[in-house]
Amino acid sequence: MGLLGNIEATSMYNSYREGLTDVYFKIEGVFVDTQLSKVRVQVRGWLSEYARWNQGLGIFKRVFYIPVTEFATVLCTPDDLATKAYEYIKTLPEFAGAEDSLGEYDGVIDVTEELAEEQEKTLEELIADLRIEVGDEDPE
């Protein structure tokens, strides 16, 4: 489950200052805070669903607080809490016009976790090599 929507170039949450379309938004957690009587909803966004599944960097990260009364009739199951959270955030200006993305991702996965780890190690090796070239001691 996710949302497809846009981020306006002038949005204060858009550090790229470029209009972004078909951004894939995903709720990463719904947390009920009984002390504050609020529900904390963490949302991330990627340039596309492909980017999300291929270790892409997120381009949007926000936390929303929803009054717990909005969840008064919701069963306390992961699916029901997430469904209600999606319903609520779609009413917010940040997600105006967003559409549900309900299907399972069946696109290409080009960047596996193993490949991402390998690339990270390669980057660490490149940085270590640069340190040696400028006269720093070997970090190991």
N, C-alpha and C. Protein backbone atom coordinates (compact mmCIF):
# COMPACT_ATOMS: atom_id res chain seq x y z
N MET A 1 0.85 -1.18 0.00
CA MET A 1 0.00 0.00 0.00
C MET A 1 0.89 1.23 0.00
N GLY A 2 0.51 2.22 -0.75
CA GLY A 2 1.24 3.48 -0.83
C GLY A 2 0.38 4.51 -1.54
N LEU A 3 0.97 5.65 -1.79
CA LEU A 3 0.29 6.72 -2.51
C LEU A 3 1.18 7.22 -3.63
N LEU A 4 0.58 7.61 -4.74
CA LEU A 4 1.29 8.29 -5.82
C LEU A 4 0.78 9.72 -5.85
N GLY A 5 1.68 10.67 -5.73
CA GLY A 5 1.28 12.07 -5.72
C GLY A 5 2.39 12.97 -6.23
N ASN A 6 2.21 14.25 -6.03
CA ASN A 6 3.15 15.24 -6.53
C ASN A 6 3.69 16.08 -5.38
N ILE A 7 4.85 16.66 -5.61
CA ILE A 7 5.41 17.65 -4.68
C ILE A 7 5.67 18.90 -5.51
N GLU A 8 5.03 19.98 -5.14
CA GLU A 8 5.19 21.23 -5.87
C GLU A 8 6.61 21.78 -5.68
N ALA A 9 7.11 22.46 -6.68
CA ALA A 9 8.46 23.05 -6.62
C ALA A 9 8.58 24.05 -5.47
N THR A 10 7.49 24.71 -5.14
CA THR A 10 7.51 25.75 -4.11
C THR A 10 7.22 25.22 -2.71
N SER A 11 7.01 23.92 -2.57
CA SER A 11 6.73 23.34 -1.26
C SER A 11 7.93 23.51 -0.33
N MET A 12 7.66 23.87 0.90
CA MET A 12 8.75 24.03 1.87
C MET A 12 9.41 22.68 2.18
N TYR A 13 8.79 21.59 1.77
CA TYR A 13 9.35 20.25 2.01
C TYR A 13 10.08 19.71 0.78
N ASN A 14 10.28 20.57 -0.21
CA ASN A 14 10.95 20.16 -1.44
C ASN A 14 12.28 20.90 -1.57
N SER A 15 13.34 20.26 -1.13
CA SER A 15 14.65 20.90 -1.19
C SER A 15 15.21 20.94 -2.62
N TYR A 16 14.63 20.19 -3.54
CA TYR A 16 15.09 20.19 -4.93
C TYR A 16 14.58 21.39 -5.71
N ARG A 17 13.48 22.00 -5.24
CA ARG A 17 12.88 23.17 -5.90
C ARG A 17 12.56 22.89 -7.36
N GLU A 18 12.12 21.69 -7.60
CA GLU A 18 11.69 21.25 -8.92
C GLU A 18 10.37 20.51 -8.70
N GLY A 19 9.39 20.76 -9.54
CA GLY A 19 8.13 20.03 -9.41
C GLY A 19 8.36 18.54 -9.63
N LEU A 20 7.88 17.73 -8.72
CA LEU A 20 8.08 16.28 -8.81
C LEU A 20 6.72 15.60 -8.95
N THR A 21 6.57 14.77 -9.96
CA THR A 21 5.31 14.09 -10.20
C THR A 21 5.46 12.59 -9.97
N ASP A 22 4.35 11.95 -9.68
CA ASP A 22 4.30 10.50 -9.45
C ASP A 22 5.29 10.05 -8.37
N VAL A 23 5.41 10.86 -7.34
CA VAL A 23 6.24 10.50 -6.19
C VAL A 23 5.54 9.36 -5.45
N TYR A 24 6.32 8.37 -5.01
CA TYR A 24 5.75 7.25 -4.27
C TYR A 24 5.91 7.52 -2.78
N PHE A 25 4.78 7.64 -2.07
CA PHE A 25 4.77 7.87 -0.63
C PHE A 25 4.37 6.59 0.09
N LYS A 26 5.04 6.32 1.18
CA LYS A 26 4.76 5.11 1.96
C LYS A 26 4.75 5.46 3.43
N ILE A 27 3.73 5.00 4.14
CA ILE A 27 3.71 5.13 5.59
C ILE A 27 4.66 4.08 6.15
N GLU A 28 5.62 4.54 6.94
CA GLU A 28 6.60 3.62 7.50
C GLU A 28 6.28 3.21 8.93
N GLY A 29 5.27 3.81 9.51
CA GLY A 29 4.90 3.40 10.85
C GLY A 29 3.71 4.19 11.37
N VAL A 30 2.89 3.52 12.15
CA VAL A 30 1.75 4.15 12.82
C VAL A 30 1.91 3.81 14.30
N PHE A 31 2.11 4.83 15.11
CA PHE A 31 2.41 4.64 16.53
C PHE A 31 1.36 5.36 17.37
N VAL A 32 0.68 4.62 18.22
CA VAL A 32 -0.34 5.21 19.08
C VAL A 32 0.32 5.67 20.38
N ASP A 33 0.23 6.96 20.66
CA ASP A 33 0.79 7.54 21.88
C ASP A 33 -0.35 7.82 22.84
N THR A 34 -0.51 6.95 23.82
CA THR A 34 -1.63 7.10 24.76
C THR A 34 -1.42 8.27 25.71
N GLN A 35 -0.18 8.66 25.94
CA GLN A 35 0.11 9.79 26.83
C GLN A 35 -0.37 11.11 26.22
N LEU A 36 -0.11 11.28 24.92
CA LEU A 36 -0.47 12.52 24.24
C LEU A 36 -1.81 12.44 23.52
N SER A 37 -2.42 11.27 23.51
CA SER A 37 -3.67 11.03 22.78
C SER A 37 -3.54 11.41 21.31
N LYS A 38 -2.43 11.01 20.74
CA LYS A 38 -2.18 11.27 19.31
C LYS A 38 -1.62 10.01 18.66
N VAL A 39 -1.79 9.94 17.37
CA VAL A 39 -1.22 8.86 16.60
C VAL A 39 -0.13 9.45 15.72
N ARG A 40 1.08 8.93 15.86
CA ARG A 40 2.24 9.42 15.11
C ARG A 40 2.36 8.59 13.84
N VAL A 41 2.38 9.28 12.69
CA VAL A 41 2.46 8.60 11.40
C VAL A 41 3.69 9.13 10.66
N GLN A 42 4.61 8.23 10.38
CA GLN A 42 5.83 8.58 9.67
C GLN A 42 5.68 8.23 8.20
N VAL A 43 5.93 9.23 7.32
CA VAL A 43 5.75 9.04 5.88
C VAL A 43 7.06 9.38 5.17
N ARG A 44 7.45 8.52 4.24
CA ARG A 44 8.61 8.79 3.38
C ARG A 44 8.16 8.79 1.94
N GLY A 45 8.92 9.50 1.11
CA GLY A 45 8.62 9.56 -0.31
C GLY A 45 9.87 9.33 -1.14
N TRP A 46 9.70 8.69 -2.28
CA TRP A 46 10.78 8.44 -3.23
C TRP A 46 10.35 8.95 -4.60
N LEU A 47 11.30 9.18 -5.48
CA LEU A 47 10.97 9.64 -6.83
C LEU A 47 10.00 8.71 -7.54
N SER A 48 10.05 7.44 -7.18
CA SER A 48 9.15 6.46 -7.80
C SER A 48 9.13 5.22 -6.92
N GLU A 49 8.22 4.32 -7.22
CA GLU A 49 8.21 3.06 -6.49
C GLU A 49 9.45 2.24 -6.84
N TYR A 50 9.91 2.37 -8.08
CA TYR A 50 11.16 1.71 -8.49
C TYR A 50 12.31 2.15 -7.58
N ALA A 51 12.40 3.47 -7.32
CA ALA A 51 13.47 3.99 -6.47
C ALA A 51 13.39 3.40 -5.06
N ARG A 52 12.18 3.26 -4.55
CA ARG A 52 12.02 2.69 -3.20
C ARG A 52 12.54 1.27 -3.14
N TRP A 53 12.21 0.47 -4.12
CA TRP A 53 12.59 -0.94 -4.10
C TRP A 53 14.04 -1.16 -4.51
N ASN A 54 14.70 -0.13 -5.03
CA ASN A 54 16.08 -0.27 -5.50
C ASN A 54 17.05 0.58 -4.71
N GLN A 55 16.80 0.68 -3.41
CA GLN A 55 17.72 1.33 -2.47
C GLN A 55 17.92 2.81 -2.78
N GLY A 56 16.94 3.45 -3.42
CA GLY A 56 17.04 4.87 -3.72
C GLY A 56 16.91 5.72 -2.46
N LEU A 57 17.47 6.91 -2.52
CA LEU A 57 17.35 7.84 -1.40
C LEU A 57 15.95 8.42 -1.36
N GLY A 58 15.44 8.59 -0.18
CA GLY A 58 14.14 9.22 -0.04
C GLY A 58 14.24 10.71 -0.34
N ILE A 59 13.16 11.27 -0.83
CA ILE A 59 13.15 12.71 -1.14
C ILE A 59 12.16 13.45 -0.25
N PHE A 60 11.47 12.71 0.60
CA PHE A 60 10.44 13.31 1.46
C PHE A 60 10.40 12.50 2.75
N LYS A 61 10.42 13.19 3.88
CA LYS A 61 10.31 12.50 5.15
C LYS A 61 9.62 13.44 6.13
N ARG A 62 8.45 13.02 6.59
CA ARG A 62 7.69 13.84 7.53
C ARG A 62 7.01 12.95 8.55
N VAL A 63 6.74 13.56 9.68
CA VAL A 63 5.97 12.90 10.72
C VAL A 63 4.71 13.72 10.93
N PHE A 64 3.57 13.05 10.94
CA PHE A 64 2.28 13.70 11.16
C PHE A 64 1.68 13.18 12.46
N TYR A 65 1.01 14.06 13.18
CA TYR A 65 0.33 13.67 14.41
C TYR A 65 -1.17 13.81 14.18
N ILE A 66 -1.88 12.72 14.37
CA ILE A 66 -3.31 12.66 14.13
C ILE A 66 -4.00 12.47 15.49
N PRO A 67 -5.07 13.21 15.74
CA PRO A 67 -5.78 13.00 17.00
C PRO A 67 -6.24 11.54 17.13
N VAL A 68 -6.05 10.96 18.30
CA VAL A 68 -6.40 9.56 18.51
C VAL A 68 -7.89 9.33 18.30
N THR A 69 -8.71 10.36 18.44
CA THR A 69 -10.16 10.23 18.21
C THR A 69 -10.48 9.83 16.78
N GLU A 70 -9.59 10.14 15.83
CA GLU A 70 -9.80 9.73 14.43
C GLU A 70 -9.77 8.21 14.29
N PHE A 71 -9.17 7.54 15.26
CA PHE A 71 -9.01 6.09 15.21
C PHE A 71 -9.97 5.36 16.15
N ALA A 72 -10.96 6.08 16.67
CA ALA A 72 -11.86 5.54 17.69
C ALA A 72 -12.58 4.27 17.25
N THR A 73 -12.93 4.17 15.98
CA THR A 73 -13.69 3.00 15.51
C THR A 73 -12.81 2.00 14.74
N VAL A 74 -11.51 2.20 14.80
CA VAL A 74 -10.59 1.36 14.02
C VAL A 74 -10.09 0.20 14.89
N LEU A 75 -10.13 -1.01 14.34
CA LEU A 75 -9.56 -2.15 15.04
C LEU A 75 -8.05 -1.96 15.14
N CYS A 76 -7.49 -2.42 16.21
CA CYS A 76 -6.05 -2.24 16.44
C CYS A 76 -5.27 -3.38 15.77
N THR A 77 -5.31 -3.39 14.44
CA THR A 77 -4.52 -4.34 13.65
C THR A 77 -3.63 -3.52 12.73
N PRO A 78 -2.50 -4.04 12.35
CA PRO A 78 -1.60 -3.28 11.47
C PRO A 78 -2.29 -2.78 10.19
N ASP A 79 -3.05 -3.64 9.53
CA ASP A 79 -3.70 -3.24 8.28
C ASP A 79 -4.74 -2.15 8.50
N ASP A 80 -5.57 -2.31 9.55
CA ASP A 80 -6.62 -1.31 9.80
C ASP A 80 -6.04 0.03 10.22
N LEU A 81 -4.99 0.02 11.05
CA LEU A 81 -4.35 1.28 11.46
C LEU A 81 -3.72 1.98 10.25
N ALA A 82 -3.05 1.21 9.40
CA ALA A 82 -2.41 1.80 8.22
C ALA A 82 -3.46 2.35 7.25
N THR A 83 -4.54 1.59 7.04
CA THR A 83 -5.60 2.05 6.13
C THR A 83 -6.17 3.38 6.61
N LYS A 84 -6.47 3.48 7.90
CA LYS A 84 -7.02 4.72 8.45
C LYS A 84 -6.00 5.86 8.33
N ALA A 85 -4.72 5.57 8.58
CA ALA A 85 -3.68 6.60 8.47
C ALA A 85 -3.58 7.11 7.04
N TYR A 86 -3.65 6.22 6.04
CA TYR A 86 -3.63 6.64 4.64
C TYR A 86 -4.85 7.51 4.33
N GLU A 87 -6.02 7.08 4.81
CA GLU A 87 -7.23 7.87 4.58
C GLU A 87 -7.06 9.29 5.12
N TYR A 88 -6.49 9.39 6.31
CA TYR A 88 -6.36 10.69 6.94
C TYR A 88 -5.33 11.57 6.22
N ILE A 89 -4.15 11.01 5.92
CA ILE A 89 -3.12 11.87 5.31
C ILE A 89 -3.52 12.34 3.91
N LYS A 90 -4.38 11.57 3.23
CA LYS A 90 -4.85 12.02 1.91
C LYS A 90 -5.70 13.28 2.01
N THR A 91 -6.17 13.63 3.22
CA THR A 91 -6.94 14.86 3.40
C THR A 91 -6.03 16.07 3.64
N LEU A 92 -4.74 15.84 3.82
CA LEU A 92 -3.80 16.92 4.09
C LEU A 92 -3.34 17.57 2.78
N PRO A 93 -3.01 18.87 2.81
CA PRO A 93 -2.60 19.57 1.58
C PRO A 93 -1.40 18.94 0.88
N GLU A 94 -0.48 18.35 1.65
CA GLU A 94 0.72 17.74 1.05
C GLU A 94 0.38 16.60 0.10
N PHE A 95 -0.80 16.00 0.29
CA PHE A 95 -1.17 14.83 -0.51
C PHE A 95 -2.42 15.07 -1.35
N ALA A 96 -2.72 16.33 -1.60
CA ALA A 96 -3.89 16.67 -2.42
C ALA A 96 -3.77 15.99 -3.78
N GLY A 97 -4.79 15.29 -4.16
CA GLY A 97 -4.80 14.62 -5.46
C GLY A 97 -4.03 13.31 -5.52
N ALA A 98 -3.45 12.88 -4.42
CA ALA A 98 -2.69 11.62 -4.42
C ALA A 98 -3.64 10.45 -4.65
N GLU A 99 -3.14 9.44 -5.33
CA GLU A 99 -3.94 8.25 -5.62
C GLU A 99 -3.35 7.04 -4.91
N ASP A 100 -4.21 6.11 -4.54
CA ASP A 100 -3.76 4.89 -3.90
C ASP A 100 -2.91 4.06 -4.86
N SER A 101 -1.89 3.45 -4.32
CA SER A 101 -1.07 2.50 -5.04
C SER A 101 -1.18 1.19 -4.25
N LEU A 102 -2.16 0.38 -4.62
CA LEU A 102 -2.52 -0.77 -3.80
C LEU A 102 -1.89 -2.08 -4.25
N GLY A 103 -1.44 -2.14 -5.48
CA GLY A 103 -0.90 -3.39 -6.00
C GLY A 103 0.48 -3.71 -5.45
N GLU A 104 0.80 -4.99 -5.47
CA GLU A 104 2.15 -5.42 -5.09
C GLU A 104 3.13 -4.95 -6.16
N TYR A 105 4.31 -4.51 -5.75
CA TYR A 105 5.32 -4.09 -6.71
C TYR A 105 5.79 -5.30 -7.51
N ASP A 106 5.70 -5.20 -8.83
CA ASP A 106 6.13 -6.30 -9.68
C ASP A 106 7.15 -5.82 -10.71
N GLY A 107 7.77 -4.67 -10.40
CA GLY A 107 8.77 -4.12 -11.31
C GLY A 107 10.13 -4.74 -11.11
N VAL A 108 11.08 -4.19 -11.79
CA VAL A 108 12.46 -4.68 -11.76
C VAL A 108 13.14 -4.27 -10.47
N ILE A 109 13.92 -5.19 -9.91
CA ILE A 109 14.78 -4.86 -8.78
C ILE A 109 16.21 -5.02 -9.27
N ASP A 110 16.86 -3.88 -9.55
CA ASP A 110 18.22 -3.86 -10.07
C ASP A 110 19.26 -3.77 -8.96
N VAL A 111 18.88 -3.20 -7.83
CA VAL A 111 19.84 -2.99 -6.74
C VAL A 111 19.39 -3.83 -5.55
N THR A 112 20.06 -4.95 -5.37
CA THR A 112 19.76 -5.81 -4.24
C THR A 112 20.49 -5.30 -3.00
N GLU A 113 20.12 -5.80 -1.85
CA GLU A 113 20.79 -5.40 -0.61
C GLU A 113 22.27 -5.77 -0.67
N GLU A 114 22.58 -6.91 -1.25
CA GLU A 114 23.97 -7.35 -1.37
C GLU A 114 24.77 -6.40 -2.26
N LEU A 115 24.17 -5.98 -3.38
CA LEU A 115 24.85 -5.05 -4.29
C LEU A 115 25.06 -3.70 -3.61
N ALA A 116 24.06 -3.24 -2.86
CA ALA A 116 24.19 -1.97 -2.14
C ALA A 116 25.32 -2.05 -1.12
N GLU A 117 25.43 -3.17 -0.40
CA GLU A 117 26.51 -3.35 0.58
C GLU A 117 27.86 -3.38 -0.13
N GLU A 118 27.93 -4.05 -1.26
CA GLU A 118 29.18 -4.13 -2.03
C GLU A 118 29.60 -2.74 -2.50
N GLN A 119 28.64 -1.96 -3.00
CA GLN A 119 28.95 -0.61 -3.46
C GLN A 119 29.39 0.27 -2.29
N GLU A 120 28.79 0.08 -1.12
CA GLU A 120 29.17 0.86 0.06
C GLU A 120 30.60 0.52 0.46
N LYS A 121 30.95 -0.77 0.41
CA LYS A 121 32.32 -1.17 0.75
C LYS A 121 33.30 -0.56 -0.26
N THR A 122 32.93 -0.57 -1.52
CA THR A 122 33.78 0.01 -2.55
C THR A 122 33.99 1.50 -2.28
N LEU A 123 32.94 2.21 -1.90
CA LEU A 123 33.05 3.62 -1.58
C LEU A 123 33.97 3.83 -0.38
N GLU A 124 33.85 2.98 0.64
CA GLU A 124 34.72 3.08 1.80
C GLU A 124 36.18 2.85 1.39
N GLU A 125 36.41 1.91 0.49
CA GLU A 125 37.77 1.63 0.01
C GLU A 125 38.31 2.83 -0.75
N LEU A 126 37.48 3.47 -1.57
CA LEU A 126 37.92 4.65 -2.31
C LEU A 126 38.30 5.79 -1.36
N ILE A 127 37.50 5.98 -0.33
CA ILE A 127 37.80 7.02 0.66
C ILE A 127 39.09 6.70 1.38
N ALA A 128 39.29 5.44 1.76
CA ALA A 128 40.53 5.03 2.42
C ALA A 128 41.73 5.29 1.51
N ASP A 129 41.58 4.98 0.21
CA ASP A 129 42.66 5.23 -0.74
C ASP A 129 42.97 6.72 -0.84
N LEU A 130 41.96 7.56 -0.83
CA LEU A 130 42.16 9.00 -0.88
C LEU A 130 42.91 9.50 0.36
N ARG A 131 42.57 8.94 1.51
CA ARG A 131 43.26 9.33 2.74
C ARG A 131 44.75 9.01 2.66
N ILE A 132 45.07 7.84 2.12
CA ILE A 132 46.48 7.43 1.99
C ILE A 132 47.20 8.37 1.03
N GLU A 133 46.54 8.75 -0.08
CA GLU A 133 47.15 9.63 -1.08
C GLU A 133 47.48 11.01 -0.52
N VAL A 134 46.67 11.52 0.40
CA VAL A 134 46.92 12.85 0.93
C VAL A 134 47.76 12.80 2.20
N GLY A 135 48.29 11.63 2.53
CA GLY A 135 49.22 11.54 3.64
C GLY A 135 48.61 11.17 4.97
N ASP A 136 47.33 10.92 5.01
CA ASP A 136 46.74 10.46 6.26
C ASP A 136 47.17 9.02 6.52
N GLU A 137 47.14 8.65 7.77
CA GLU A 137 47.47 7.28 8.10
C GLU A 137 46.37 6.34 7.67
N ASP A 138 46.74 5.11 7.42
CA ASP A 138 45.78 4.10 7.06
C ASP A 138 44.80 3.95 8.24
N PRO A 139 43.47 4.09 8.00
CA PRO A 139 42.50 4.03 9.08
C PRO A 139 42.43 2.68 9.76
N GLU A 140 42.99 1.66 9.17
CA GLU A 140 42.93 0.32 9.78
C GLU A 140 44.16 0.06 10.50
